[in-house]
């Protein structure tokens, strides 16, 4: 993850409909949500949702998978984790005691890759 990728991801989330869409997709992991249902749930026209999903996909935060006649969208949690880790990489000057509460708040449902990989 580099600075430009992080800026693109944060810019994509810096709009109300896209932020709501991303949060809804995170909530619905791992099943995902069809594009039409996303539009209905968020309350925007389908063409508007399509434009927002395109912006989120270009930033790498969501991905779509065609299933029959629908496209199912899912949040890319690995990419979002990379953005978050980029932002806190040098947290608190390396003072683990200061960073511990932040890291604990980030990990209840989404353990870091190393922990997730070792528990399987």
PDB file of N, CA and C in Angstrom:
ATOM      1  N   UNK A   1       0.862  -1.174   0.000  1.00  0.00           N
ATOM      2  CA  UNK A   1       0.000   0.000   0.000  1.00  0.00           C
ATOM      3  C   UNK A   1       0.898   1.223   0.000  1.00  0.00           C
ATOM      4  N   UNK A   2       0.619   2.140  -0.916  1.00  0.00           N
ATOM      5  CA  UNK A   2       1.398   3.372  -0.959  1.00  0.00           C
ATOM      6  C   UNK A   2       0.485   4.569  -0.731  1.00  0.00           C
ATOM      7  N   UNK A   3       1.087   5.734  -0.717  1.00  0.00           N
ATOM      8  CA  UNK A   3       0.344   6.958  -0.424  1.00  0.00           C
ATOM      9  C   UNK A   3      -0.772   7.212  -1.441  1.00  0.00           C
ATOM     10  N   UNK A   4      -0.484   7.022  -2.734  1.00  0.00           N
ATOM     11  CA  UNK A   4      -1.492   7.283  -3.762  1.00  0.00           C
ATOM     12  C   UNK A   4      -2.685   6.328  -3.652  1.00  0.00           C
ATOM     13  N   UNK A   5      -2.432   5.063  -3.368  1.00  0.00           N
ATOM     14  CA  UNK A   5      -3.518   4.101  -3.196  1.00  0.00           C
ATOM     15  C   UNK A   5      -4.371   4.459  -1.978  1.00  0.00           C
ATOM     16  N   UNK A   6      -3.718   4.891  -0.921  1.00  0.00           N
ATOM     17  CA  UNK A   6      -4.438   5.281   0.294  1.00  0.00           C
ATOM     18  C   UNK A   6      -5.293   6.513   0.030  1.00  0.00           C
ATOM     19  N   UNK A   7      -4.747   7.487  -0.676  1.00  0.00           N
ATOM     20  CA  UNK A   7      -5.506   8.696  -1.010  1.00  0.00           C
ATOM     21  C   UNK A   7      -6.713   8.337  -1.862  1.00  0.00           C
ATOM     22  N   UNK A   8      -6.539   7.451  -2.827  1.00  0.00           N
ATOM     23  CA  UNK A   8      -7.656   7.036  -3.687  1.00  0.00           C
ATOM     24  C   UNK A   8      -8.753   6.358  -2.869  1.00  0.00           C
ATOM     25  N   UNK A   9      -8.365   5.493  -1.947  1.00  0.00           N
ATOM     26  CA  UNK A   9      -9.357   4.797  -1.113  1.00  0.00           C
ATOM     27  C   UNK A   9     -10.090   5.785  -0.212  1.00  0.00           C
ATOM     28  N   UNK A  10      -9.362   6.679   0.421  1.00  0.00           N
ATOM     29  CA  UNK A  10     -10.003   7.648   1.310  1.00  0.00           C
ATOM     30  C   UNK A  10     -10.889   8.617   0.523  1.00  0.00           C
ATOM     31  N   UNK A  11     -10.453   9.007  -0.658  1.00  0.00           N
ATOM     32  CA  UNK A  11     -11.270   9.897  -1.502  1.00  0.00           C
ATOM     33  C   UNK A  11     -12.565   9.201  -1.910  1.00  0.00           C
ATOM     34  N   UNK A  12     -12.479   7.917  -2.214  1.00  0.00           N
ATOM     35  CA  UNK A  12     -13.683   7.176  -2.598  1.00  0.00           C
ATOM     36  C   UNK A  12     -14.678   7.114  -1.445  1.00  0.00           C
ATOM     37  N   UNK A  13     -14.186   7.045  -0.236  1.00  0.00           N
ATOM     38  CA  UNK A  13     -15.058   6.968   0.944  1.00  0.00           C
ATOM     39  C   UNK A  13     -15.531   8.337   1.427  1.00  0.00           C
ATOM     40  N   UNK A  14     -14.987   9.400   0.854  1.00  0.00           N
ATOM     41  CA  UNK A  14     -15.297  10.761   1.307  1.00  0.00           C
ATOM     42  C   UNK A  14     -16.557  11.312   0.651  1.00  0.00           C
ATOM     43  N   UNK A  15     -17.547  10.467   0.502  1.00  0.00           N
ATOM     44  CA  UNK A  15     -18.837  10.863  -0.063  1.00  0.00           C
ATOM     45  C   UNK A  15     -19.881   9.995   0.628  1.00  0.00           C
ATOM     46  N   UNK A  16     -20.967  10.589   1.040  1.00  0.00           N
ATOM     47  CA  UNK A  16     -21.944   9.926   1.902  1.00  0.00           C
ATOM     48  C   UNK A  16     -22.496   8.613   1.324  1.00  0.00           C
ATOM     49  N   UNK A  17     -22.936   8.613   0.092  1.00  0.00           N
ATOM     50  CA  UNK A  17     -23.519   7.401  -0.489  1.00  0.00           C
ATOM     51  C   UNK A  17     -22.485   6.291  -0.592  1.00  0.00           C
ATOM     52  N   UNK A  18     -21.267   6.632  -0.994  1.00  0.00           N
ATOM     53  CA  UNK A  18     -20.222   5.606  -1.104  1.00  0.00           C
ATOM     54  C   UNK A  18     -19.833   5.077   0.259  1.00  0.00           C
ATOM     55  N   UNK A  19     -19.756   5.942   1.257  1.00  0.00           N
ATOM     56  CA  UNK A  19     -19.441   5.477   2.608  1.00  0.00           C
ATOM     57  C   UNK A  19     -20.541   4.555   3.130  1.00  0.00           C
ATOM     58  N   UNK A  20     -21.793   4.938   2.934  1.00  0.00           N
ATOM     59  CA  UNK A  20     -22.913   4.079   3.355  1.00  0.00           C
ATOM     60  C   UNK A  20     -22.868   2.735   2.629  1.00  0.00           C
ATOM     61  N   UNK A  21     -22.567   2.774   1.339  1.00  0.00           N
ATOM     62  CA  UNK A  21     -22.499   1.552   0.546  1.00  0.00           C
ATOM     63  C   UNK A  21     -21.388   0.646   1.048  1.00  0.00           C
ATOM     64  N   UNK A  22     -20.226   1.209   1.279  1.00  0.00           N
ATOM     65  CA  UNK A  22     -19.101   0.404   1.763  1.00  0.00           C
ATOM     66  C   UNK A  22     -19.419  -0.203   3.126  1.00  0.00           C
ATOM     67  N   UNK A  23     -19.975   0.581   4.023  1.00  0.00           N
ATOM     68  CA  UNK A  23     -20.314   0.062   5.354  1.00  0.00           C
ATOM     69  C   UNK A  23     -21.353  -1.051   5.267  1.00  0.00           C
ATOM     70  N   UNK A  24     -22.322  -0.901   4.373  1.00  0.00           N
ATOM     71  CA  UNK A  24     -23.328  -1.944   4.180  1.00  0.00           C
ATOM     72  C   UNK A  24     -22.680  -3.216   3.639  1.00  0.00           C
ATOM     73  N   UNK A  25     -21.755  -3.068   2.703  1.00  0.00           N
ATOM     74  CA  UNK A  25     -21.069  -4.243   2.166  1.00  0.00           C
ATOM     75  C   UNK A  25     -20.203  -4.926   3.226  1.00  0.00           C
ATOM     76  N   UNK A  26     -19.564  -4.151   4.080  1.00  0.00           N
ATOM     77  CA  UNK A  26     -18.787  -4.733   5.178  1.00  0.00           C
ATOM     78  C   UNK A  26     -19.715  -5.522   6.102  1.00  0.00           C
ATOM     79  N   UNK A  27     -20.868  -4.954   6.387  1.00  0.00           N
ATOM     80  CA  UNK A  27     -21.852  -5.614   7.251  1.00  0.00           C
ATOM     81  C   UNK A  27     -22.338  -6.932   6.641  1.00  0.00           C
ATOM     82  N   UNK A  28     -22.420  -6.989   5.330  1.00  0.00           N
ATOM     83  CA  UNK A  28     -22.970  -8.156   4.636  1.00  0.00           C
ATOM     84  C   UNK A  28     -21.900  -9.147   4.171  1.00  0.00           C
ATOM     85  N   UNK A  29     -20.670  -8.994   4.628  1.00  0.00           N
ATOM     86  CA  UNK A  29     -19.632  -9.963   4.280  1.00  0.00           C
ATOM     87  C   UNK A  29     -19.937 -11.288   4.969  1.00  0.00           C
ATOM     88  N   UNK A  30     -19.651 -12.411   4.348  1.00  0.00           N
ATOM     89  CA  UNK A  30     -19.026 -12.586   3.045  1.00  0.00           C
ATOM     90  C   UNK A  30     -20.025 -12.784   1.904  1.00  0.00           C
ATOM     91  N   UNK A  31     -21.317 -12.698   2.178  1.00  0.00           N
ATOM     92  CA  UNK A  31     -22.318 -12.989   1.151  1.00  0.00           C
ATOM     93  C   UNK A  31     -22.314 -11.979   0.016  1.00  0.00           C
ATOM     94  N   UNK A  32     -22.122 -10.708   0.330  1.00  0.00           N
ATOM     95  CA  UNK A  32     -22.205  -9.666  -0.674  1.00  0.00           C
ATOM     96  C   UNK A  32     -23.650  -9.268  -0.922  1.00  0.00           C
ATOM     97  N   UNK A  33     -23.826  -8.279  -1.791  1.00  0.00           N
ATOM     98  CA  UNK A  33     -25.151  -7.742  -2.085  1.00  0.00           C
ATOM     99  C   UNK A  33     -25.234  -7.450  -3.584  1.00  0.00           C
ATOM    100  N   UNK A  34     -26.317  -7.866  -4.232  1.00  0.00           N
ATOM    101  CA  UNK A  34     -26.496  -7.507  -5.643  1.00  0.00           C
ATOM    102  C   UNK A  34     -26.599  -5.991  -5.812  1.00  0.00           C
ATOM    103  N   UNK A  35     -26.121  -5.501  -6.942  1.00  0.00           N
ATOM    104  CA  UNK A  35     -26.097  -4.062  -7.193  1.00  0.00           C
ATOM    105  C   UNK A  35     -27.485  -3.429  -7.064  1.00  0.00           C
ATOM    106  N   UNK A  36     -28.496  -4.059  -7.616  1.00  0.00           N
ATOM    107  CA  UNK A  36     -29.853  -3.510  -7.543  1.00  0.00           C
ATOM    108  C   UNK A  36     -30.361  -3.405  -6.118  1.00  0.00           C
ATOM    109  N   UNK A  37     -30.043  -4.403  -5.307  1.00  0.00           N
ATOM    110  CA  UNK A  37     -30.464  -4.371  -3.900  1.00  0.00           C
ATOM    111  C   UNK A  37     -29.716  -3.285  -3.135  1.00  0.00           C
ATOM    112  N   UNK A  38     -28.439  -3.089  -3.465  1.00  0.00           N
ATOM    113  CA  UNK A  38     -27.684  -1.993  -2.837  1.00  0.00           C
ATOM    114  C   UNK A  38     -28.369  -0.664  -3.100  1.00  0.00           C
ATOM    115  N   UNK A  39     -28.761  -0.438  -4.354  1.00  0.00           N
ATOM    116  CA  UNK A  39     -29.432   0.816  -4.714  1.00  0.00           C
ATOM    117  C   UNK A  39     -30.713   0.979  -3.916  1.00  0.00           C
ATOM    118  N   UNK A  40     -31.472  -0.099  -3.804  1.00  0.00           N
ATOM    119  CA  UNK A  40     -32.736  -0.047  -3.062  1.00  0.00           C
ATOM    120  C   UNK A  40     -32.484   0.221  -1.576  1.00  0.00           C
ATOM    121  N   UNK A  41     -31.516  -0.477  -0.989  1.00  0.00           N
ATOM    122  CA  UNK A  41     -31.243  -0.327   0.443  1.00  0.00           C
ATOM    123  C   UNK A  41     -30.719   1.070   0.791  1.00  0.00           C
ATOM    124  N   UNK A  42     -29.910   1.628  -0.084  1.00  0.00           N
ATOM    125  CA  UNK A  42     -29.339   2.957   0.161  1.00  0.00           C
ATOM    126  C   UNK A  42     -30.319   4.051  -0.248  1.00  0.00           C
ATOM    127  N   UNK A  43     -31.228   3.707  -1.171  1.00  0.00           N
ATOM    128  CA  UNK A  43     -32.236   4.677  -1.592  1.00  0.00           C
ATOM    129  C   UNK A  43     -31.776   5.607  -2.694  1.00  0.00           C
ATOM    130  N   UNK A  44     -31.031   5.059  -3.654  1.00  0.00           N
ATOM    131  CA  UNK A  44     -30.584   5.851  -4.800  1.00  0.00           C
ATOM    132  C   UNK A  44     -30.958   5.108  -6.081  1.00  0.00           C
ATOM    133  N   UNK A  45     -31.062   5.820  -7.197  1.00  0.00           N
ATOM    134  CA  UNK A  45     -31.329   5.155  -8.472  1.00  0.00           C
ATOM    135  C   UNK A  45     -30.195   4.179  -8.826  1.00  0.00           C
ATOM    136  N   UNK A  46     -30.525   3.143  -9.595  1.00  0.00           N
ATOM    137  CA  UNK A  46     -29.527   2.132  -9.940  1.00  0.00           C
ATOM    138  C   UNK A  46     -28.352   2.704 -10.718  1.00  0.00           C
ATOM    139  N   UNK A  47     -28.603   3.650 -11.624  1.00  0.00           N
ATOM    140  CA  UNK A  47     -27.481   4.219 -12.382  1.00  0.00           C
ATOM    141  C   UNK A  47     -26.554   5.028 -11.471  1.00  0.00           C
ATOM    142  N   UNK A  48     -27.120   5.679 -10.475  1.00  0.00           N
ATOM    143  CA  UNK A  48     -26.307   6.409  -9.495  1.00  0.00           C
ATOM    144  C   UNK A  48     -25.464   5.438  -8.684  1.00  0.00           C
ATOM    145  N   UNK A  49     -26.090   4.332  -8.245  1.00  0.00           N
ATOM    146  CA  UNK A  49     -25.350   3.319  -7.479  1.00  0.00           C
ATOM    147  C   UNK A  49     -24.226   2.744  -8.330  1.00  0.00           C
ATOM    148  N   UNK A  50     -24.492   2.520  -9.604  1.00  0.00           N
ATOM    149  CA  UNK A  50     -23.471   1.984 -10.496  1.00  0.00           C
ATOM    150  C   UNK A  50     -22.248   2.892 -10.541  1.00  0.00           C
ATOM    151  N   UNK A  51     -22.469   4.190 -10.615  1.00  0.00           N
ATOM    152  CA  UNK A  51     -21.356   5.149 -10.639  1.00  0.00           C
ATOM    153  C   UNK A  51     -20.578   5.108  -9.327  1.00  0.00           C
ATOM    154  N   UNK A  52     -21.292   5.020  -8.205  1.00  0.00           N
ATOM    155  CA  UNK A  52     -20.615   4.955  -6.900  1.00  0.00           C
ATOM    156  C   UNK A  52     -19.835   3.658  -6.755  1.00  0.00           C
ATOM    157  N   UNK A  53     -20.409   2.545  -7.205  1.00  0.00           N
ATOM    158  CA  UNK A  53     -19.704   1.259  -7.130  1.00  0.00           C
ATOM    159  C   UNK A  53     -18.459   1.272  -8.005  1.00  0.00           C
ATOM    160  N   UNK A  54     -18.535   1.932  -9.137  1.00  0.00           N
ATOM    161  CA  UNK A  54     -17.374   2.054 -10.012  1.00  0.00           C
ATOM    162  C   UNK A  54     -16.243   2.807  -9.317  1.00  0.00           C
ATOM    163  N   UNK A  55     -16.583   3.887  -8.633  1.00  0.00           N
ATOM    164  CA  UNK A  55     -15.573   4.665  -7.900  1.00  0.00           C
ATOM    165  C   UNK A  55     -14.941   3.825  -6.800  1.00  0.00           C
ATOM    166  N   UNK A  56     -15.775   3.091  -6.047  1.00  0.00           N
ATOM    167  CA  UNK A  56     -15.260   2.232  -4.979  1.00  0.00           C
ATOM    168  C   UNK A  56     -14.399   1.104  -5.543  1.00  0.00           C
ATOM    169  N   UNK A  57     -14.798   0.549  -6.675  1.00  0.00           N
ATOM    170  CA  UNK A  57     -14.032  -0.534  -7.295  1.00  0.00           C
ATOM    171  C   UNK A  57     -12.686  -0.020  -7.818  1.00  0.00           C
ATOM    172  N   UNK A  58     -12.680   1.172  -8.435  1.00  0.00           N
ATOM    173  CA  UNK A  58     -11.426   1.743  -8.931  1.00  0.00           C
ATOM    174  C   UNK A  58     -10.454   1.989  -7.788  1.00  0.00           C
ATOM    175  N   UNK A  59     -10.974   2.300  -6.614  1.00  0.00           N
ATOM    176  CA  UNK A  59     -10.125   2.508  -5.442  1.00  0.00           C
ATOM    177  C   UNK A  59      -9.723   1.186  -4.794  1.00  0.00           C
ATOM    178  N   UNK A  60     -10.282   0.083  -5.289  1.00  0.00           N
ATOM    179  CA  UNK A  60      -9.930  -1.235  -4.758  1.00  0.00           C
ATOM    180  C   UNK A  60     -10.684  -1.642  -3.512  1.00  0.00           C
ATOM    181  N   UNK A  61     -11.709  -0.901  -3.144  1.00  0.00           N
ATOM    182  CA  UNK A  61     -12.427  -1.182  -1.894  1.00  0.00           C
ATOM    183  C   UNK A  61     -13.555  -2.188  -2.053  1.00  0.00           C
ATOM    184  N   UNK A  62     -14.071  -2.346  -3.269  1.00  0.00           N
ATOM    185  CA  UNK A  62     -15.124  -3.331  -3.522  1.00  0.00           C
ATOM    186  C   UNK A  62     -14.778  -4.084  -4.797  1.00  0.00           C
ATOM    187  N   UNK A  63     -15.378  -5.255  -4.921  1.00  0.00           N
ATOM    188  CA  UNK A  63     -15.237  -6.024  -6.146  1.00  0.00           C
ATOM    189  C   UNK A  63     -16.576  -6.649  -6.475  1.00  0.00           C
ATOM    190  N   UNK A  64     -16.834  -6.746  -7.744  1.00  0.00           N
ATOM    191  CA  UNK A  64     -18.087  -7.324  -8.207  1.00  0.00           C
ATOM    192  C   UNK A  64     -17.850  -8.653  -8.893  1.00  0.00           C
ATOM    193  N   UNK A  65     -18.792  -9.564  -8.707  1.00  0.00           N
ATOM    194  CA  UNK A  65     -18.701 -10.889  -9.326  1.00  0.00           C
ATOM    195  C   UNK A  65     -20.043 -11.200  -9.969  1.00  0.00           C
ATOM    196  N   UNK A  66     -19.994 -11.496 -11.252  1.00  0.00           N
ATOM    197  CA  UNK A  66     -21.233 -11.811 -11.965  1.00  0.00           C
ATOM    198  C   UNK A  66     -21.728 -13.186 -11.539  1.00  0.00           C
ATOM    199  N   UNK A  67     -22.995 -13.231 -11.158  1.00  0.00           N
ATOM    200  CA  UNK A  67     -23.682 -14.477 -10.856  1.00  0.00           C
ATOM    201  C   UNK A  67     -24.994 -14.446 -11.617  1.00  0.00           C
ATOM    202  N   UNK A  68     -25.039 -15.213 -12.690  1.00  0.00           N
ATOM    203  CA  UNK A  68     -26.197 -15.235 -13.568  1.00  0.00           C
ATOM    204  C   UNK A  68     -26.388 -13.834 -14.153  1.00  0.00           C
ATOM    205  N   UNK A  69     -27.555 -13.221 -13.887  1.00  0.00           N
ATOM    206  CA  UNK A  69     -27.828 -11.889 -14.434  1.00  0.00           C
ATOM    207  C   UNK A  69     -27.479 -10.766 -13.467  1.00  0.00           C
ATOM    208  N   UNK A  70     -27.011 -11.108 -12.284  1.00  0.00           N
ATOM    209  CA  UNK A  70     -26.704 -10.098 -11.265  1.00  0.00           C
ATOM    210  C   UNK A  70     -25.200  -9.957 -11.071  1.00  0.00           C
ATOM    211  N   UNK A  71     -24.820  -8.815 -10.571  1.00  0.00           N
ATOM    212  CA  UNK A  71     -23.447  -8.625 -10.109  1.00  0.00           C
ATOM    213  C   UNK A  71     -23.524  -8.479  -8.601  1.00  0.00           C
ATOM    214  N   UNK A  72     -22.833  -9.376  -7.908  1.00  0.00           N
ATOM    215  CA  UNK A  72     -22.791  -9.361  -6.450  1.00  0.00           C
ATOM    216  C   UNK A  72     -21.546  -8.581  -6.040  1.00  0.00           C
ATOM    217  N   UNK A  73     -21.742  -7.561  -5.215  1.00  0.00           N
ATOM    218  CA  UNK A  73     -20.631  -6.745  -4.747  1.00  0.00           C
ATOM    219  C   UNK A  73     -20.256  -7.139  -3.332  1.00  0.00           C
ATOM    220  N   UNK A  74     -18.950  -7.117  -3.089  1.00  0.00           N
ATOM    221  CA  UNK A  74     -18.400  -7.424  -1.768  1.00  0.00           C
ATOM    222  C   UNK A  74     -17.339  -6.381  -1.418  1.00  0.00           C
ATOM    223  N   UNK A  75     -17.226  -6.109  -0.140  1.00  0.00           N
ATOM    224  CA  UNK A  75     -16.149  -5.242   0.324  1.00  0.00           C
ATOM    225  C   UNK A  75     -14.846  -6.019   0.250  1.00  0.00           C
ATOM    226  N   UNK A  76     -13.778  -5.359  -0.163  1.00  0.00           N
ATOM    227  CA  UNK A  76     -12.465  -5.989  -0.160  1.00  0.00           C
ATOM    228  C   UNK A  76     -11.815  -5.657   1.185  1.00  0.00           C
ATOM    229  N   UNK A  77     -12.026  -6.540   2.139  1.00  0.00           N
ATOM    230  CA  UNK A  77     -11.549  -6.281   3.498  1.00  0.00           C
ATOM    231  C   UNK A  77     -10.027  -6.284   3.593  1.00  0.00           C
ATOM    232  N   UNK A  78      -9.355  -7.055   2.748  1.00  0.00           N
ATOM    233  CA  UNK A  78      -7.890  -7.030   2.762  1.00  0.00           C
ATOM    234  C   UNK A  78      -7.378  -5.653   2.341  1.00  0.00           C
ATOM    235  N   UNK A  79      -7.984  -5.084   1.316  1.00  0.00           N
ATOM    236  CA  UNK A  79      -7.577  -3.748   0.866  1.00  0.00           C
ATOM    237  C   UNK A  79      -7.865  -2.709   1.954  1.00  0.00           C
ATOM    238  N   UNK A  80      -9.037  -2.818   2.577  1.00  0.00           N
ATOM    239  CA  UNK A  80      -9.371  -1.865   3.635  1.00  0.00           C
ATOM    240  C   UNK A  80      -8.415  -2.023   4.816  1.00  0.00           C
ATOM    241  N   UNK A  81      -8.047  -3.248   5.131  1.00  0.00           N
ATOM    242  CA  UNK A  81      -7.066  -3.485   6.199  1.00  0.00           C
ATOM    243  C   UNK A  81      -5.739  -2.834   5.833  1.00  0.00           C
ATOM    244  N   UNK A  82      -5.333  -2.963   4.559  1.00  0.00           N
ATOM    245  CA  UNK A  82      -4.085  -2.329   4.115  1.00  0.00           C
ATOM    246  C   UNK A  82      -4.131  -0.814   4.283  1.00  0.00           C
ATOM    247  N   UNK A  83      -5.269  -0.207   3.945  1.00  0.00           N
ATOM    248  CA  UNK A  83      -5.426   1.249   4.122  1.00  0.00           C
ATOM    249  C   UNK A  83      -5.293   1.607   5.602  1.00  0.00           C
ATOM    250  N   UNK A  84      -5.990   0.872   6.440  1.00  0.00           N
ATOM    251  CA  UNK A  84      -5.954   1.142   7.878  1.00  0.00           C
ATOM    252  C   UNK A  84      -4.541   0.968   8.433  1.00  0.00           C
ATOM    253  N   UNK A  85      -3.880  -0.105   8.037  1.00  0.00           N
ATOM    254  CA  UNK A  85      -2.515  -0.336   8.514  1.00  0.00           C
ATOM    255  C   UNK A  85      -1.555   0.743   8.023  1.00  0.00           C
ATOM    256  N   UNK A  86      -1.754   1.217   6.803  1.00  0.00           N
ATOM    257  CA  UNK A  86      -0.923   2.301   6.287  1.00  0.00           C
ATOM    258  C   UNK A  86      -1.076   3.540   7.177  1.00  0.00           C
ATOM    259  N   UNK A  87      -2.311   3.817   7.586  1.00  0.00           N
ATOM    260  CA  UNK A  87      -2.572   5.007   8.398  1.00  0.00           C
ATOM    261  C   UNK A  87      -1.977   4.910   9.802  1.00  0.00           C
ATOM    262  N   UNK A  88      -1.910   3.703  10.349  1.00  0.00           N
ATOM    263  CA  UNK A  88      -1.430   3.564  11.733  1.00  0.00           C
ATOM    264  C   UNK A  88      -0.059   2.909  11.822  1.00  0.00           C
ATOM    265  N   UNK A  89       0.602   2.753  10.680  1.00  0.00           N
ATOM    266  CA  UNK A  89       1.882   2.046  10.626  1.00  0.00           C
ATOM    267  C   UNK A  89       2.884   2.548  11.662  1.00  0.00           C
ATOM    268  N   UNK A  90       3.026   3.821  11.786  1.00  0.00           N
ATOM    269  CA  UNK A  90       4.002   4.383  12.715  1.00  0.00           C
ATOM    270  C   UNK A  90       3.323   4.993  13.936  1.00  0.00           C
ATOM    271  N   UNK A  91       2.212   4.395  14.317  1.00  0.00           N
ATOM    272  CA  UNK A  91       1.393   4.899  15.417  1.00  0.00           C
ATOM    273  C   UNK A  91       2.208   5.113  16.685  1.00  0.00           C
ATOM    274  N   UNK A  92       2.028   6.264  17.257  1.00  0.00           N
ATOM    275  CA  UNK A  92       2.551   6.582  18.591  1.00  0.00           C
ATOM    276  C   UNK A  92       4.062   6.416  18.706  1.00  0.00           C
ATOM    277  N   UNK A  93       4.764   6.609  17.611  1.00  0.00           N
ATOM    278  CA  UNK A  93       6.220   6.519  17.653  1.00  0.00           C
ATOM    279  C   UNK A  93       6.730   5.162  18.080  1.00  0.00           C
ATOM    280  N   UNK A  94       5.954   4.123  17.841  1.00  0.00           N
ATOM    281  CA  UNK A  94       6.380   2.773  18.205  1.00  0.00           C
ATOM    282  C   UNK A  94       6.091   2.393  19.639  1.00  0.00           C
ATOM    283  N   UNK A  95       5.409   3.249  20.373  1.00  0.00           N
ATOM    284  CA  UNK A  95       5.082   2.956  21.770  1.00  0.00           C
ATOM    285  C   UNK A  95       3.851   2.042  21.793  1.00  0.00           C
ATOM    286  N   UNK A  96       4.083   0.766  21.975  1.00  0.00           N
ATOM    287  CA  UNK A  96       3.016  -0.230  21.903  1.00  0.00           C
ATOM    288  C   UNK A  96       1.910   0.022  22.928  1.00  0.00           C
ATOM    289  N   UNK A  97       2.241   0.542  24.074  1.00  0.00           N
ATOM    290  CA  UNK A  97       1.222   0.781  25.105  1.00  0.00           C
ATOM    291  C   UNK A  97       0.206   1.829  24.643  1.00  0.00           C
ATOM    292  N   UNK A  98       0.664   2.834  23.910  1.00  0.00           N
ATOM    293  CA  UNK A  98      -0.248   3.852  23.401  1.00  0.00           C
ATOM    294  C   UNK A  98      -1.104   3.320  22.248  1.00  0.00           C
ATOM    295  N   UNK A  99      -0.547   2.416  21.457  1.00  0.00           N
ATOM    296  CA  UNK A  99      -1.260   1.874  20.294  1.00  0.00           C
ATOM    297  C   UNK A  99      -2.233   0.751  20.660  1.00  0.00           C
ATOM    298  N   UNK A 100      -2.017   0.094  21.774  1.00  0.00           N
ATOM    299  CA  UNK A 100      -2.806  -1.096  22.119  1.00  0.00           C
ATOM    300  C   UNK A 100      -4.321  -0.861  22.087  1.00  0.00           C
ATOM    301  N   UNK A 101      -4.842   0.225  22.664  1.00  0.00           N
ATOM    302  CA  UNK A 101      -6.301   0.410  22.611  1.00  0.00           C
ATOM    303  C   UNK A 101      -6.833   0.557  21.186  1.00  0.00           C
ATOM    304  N   UNK A 102      -6.110   1.260  20.337  1.00  0.00           N
ATOM    305  CA  UNK A 102      -6.526   1.420  18.947  1.00  0.00           C
ATOM    306  C   UNK A 102      -6.540   0.076  18.238  1.00  0.00           C
ATOM    307  N   UNK A 103      -5.489  -0.684  18.389  1.00  0.00           N
ATOM    308  CA  UNK A 103      -5.402  -1.997  17.747  1.00  0.00           C
ATOM    309  C   UNK A 103      -6.475  -2.932  18.285  1.00  0.00           C
ATOM    310  N   UNK A 104      -6.737  -2.887  19.573  1.00  0.00           N
ATOM    311  CA  UNK A 104      -7.792  -3.734  20.155  1.00  0.00           C
ATOM    312  C   UNK A 104      -9.157  -3.380  19.578  1.00  0.00           C
ATOM    313  N   UNK A 105      -9.413  -2.100  19.353  1.00  0.00           N
ATOM    314  CA  UNK A 105     -10.692  -1.682  18.761  1.00  0.00           C
ATOM    315  C   UNK A 105     -10.834  -2.157  17.316  1.00  0.00           C
ATOM    316  N   UNK A 106      -9.720  -2.317  16.617  1.00  0.00           N
ATOM    317  CA  UNK A 106      -9.753  -2.730  15.222  1.00  0.00           C
ATOM    318  C   UNK A 106      -9.835  -4.240  15.028  1.00  0.00           C
ATOM    319  N   UNK A 107      -9.557  -5.025  16.053  1.00  0.00           N
ATOM    320  CA  UNK A 107      -9.412  -6.459  15.851  1.00  0.00           C
ATOM    321  C   UNK A 107     -10.514  -7.374  16.370  1.00  0.00           C
ATOM    322  N   UNK A 108     -11.571  -6.918  16.999  1.00  0.00           N
ATOM    323  CA  UNK A 108     -12.537  -7.888  17.534  1.00  0.00           C
ATOM    324  C   UNK A 108     -13.133  -8.837  16.495  1.00  0.00           C
ATOM    325  N   UNK A 109     -13.460  -8.327  15.325  1.00  0.00           N
ATOM    326  CA  UNK A 109     -14.071  -9.206  14.324  1.00  0.00           C
ATOM    327  C   UNK A 109     -13.134  -9.511  13.171  1.00  0.00           C
ATOM    328  N   UNK A 110     -12.070  -8.798  13.056  1.00  0.00           N
ATOM    329  CA  UNK A 110     -11.202  -8.934  11.879  1.00  0.00           C
ATOM    330  C   UNK A 110      -9.748  -9.045  12.313  1.00  0.00           C
ATOM    331  N   UNK A 111      -9.314 -10.224  12.746  1.00  0.00           N
ATOM    332  CA  UNK A 111      -7.933 -10.353  13.221  1.00  0.00           C
ATOM    333  C   UNK A 111      -6.933 -10.126  12.092  1.00  0.00           C
ATOM    334  N   UNK A 112      -5.747  -9.653  12.433  1.00  0.00           N
ATOM    335  CA  UNK A 112      -4.718  -9.472  11.403  1.00  0.00           C
ATOM    336  C   UNK A 112      -4.433 -10.794  10.692  1.00  0.00           C
ATOM    337  N   UNK A 113      -3.908 -10.691   9.478  1.00  0.00           N
ATOM    338  CA  UNK A 113      -3.667 -11.876   8.649  1.00  0.00           C
ATOM    339  C   UNK A 113      -2.822 -12.929   9.371  1.00  0.00           C
ATOM    340  N   UNK A 114      -1.801 -12.492  10.110  1.00  0.00           N
ATOM    341  CA  UNK A 114      -0.914 -13.459  10.767  1.00  0.00           C
ATOM    342  C   UNK A 114      -1.693 -14.308  11.773  1.00  0.00           C
ATOM    343  N   UNK A 115      -2.570 -13.659  12.549  1.00  0.00           N
ATOM    344  CA  UNK A 115      -3.362 -14.387  13.545  1.00  0.00           C
ATOM    345  C   UNK A 115      -4.378 -15.290  12.843  1.00  0.00           C
ATOM    346  N   UNK A 116      -5.040 -14.764  11.830  1.00  0.00           N
ATOM    347  CA  UNK A 116      -6.045 -15.539  11.107  1.00  0.00           C
ATOM    348  C   UNK A 116      -5.404 -16.746  10.440  1.00  0.00           C
ATOM    349  N   UNK A 117      -4.223 -16.589   9.858  1.00  0.00           N
ATOM    350  CA  UNK A 117      -3.565 -17.682   9.173  1.00  0.00           C
ATOM    351  C   UNK A 117      -3.093 -18.747  10.149  1.00  0.00           C
ATOM    352  N   UNK A 118      -2.623 -18.343  11.328  1.00  0.00           N
ATOM    353  CA  UNK A 118      -2.123 -19.328  12.281  1.00  0.00           C
ATOM    354  C   UNK A 118      -3.229 -20.078  12.986  1.00  0.00           C
ATOM    355  N   UNK A 119      -4.455 -19.550  12.984  1.00  0.00           N
ATOM    356  CA  UNK A 119      -5.540 -20.228  13.667  1.00  0.00           C
ATOM    357  C   UNK A 119      -6.257 -21.231  12.780  1.00  0.00           C
ATOM    358  N   UNK A 120      -5.859 -21.320  11.504  1.00  0.00           N
ATOM    359  CA  UNK A 120      -6.509 -22.279  10.611  1.00  0.00           C
ATOM    360  C   UNK A 120      -5.737 -23.561  10.489  1.00  0.00           C
TER     361      UNK A 120
END
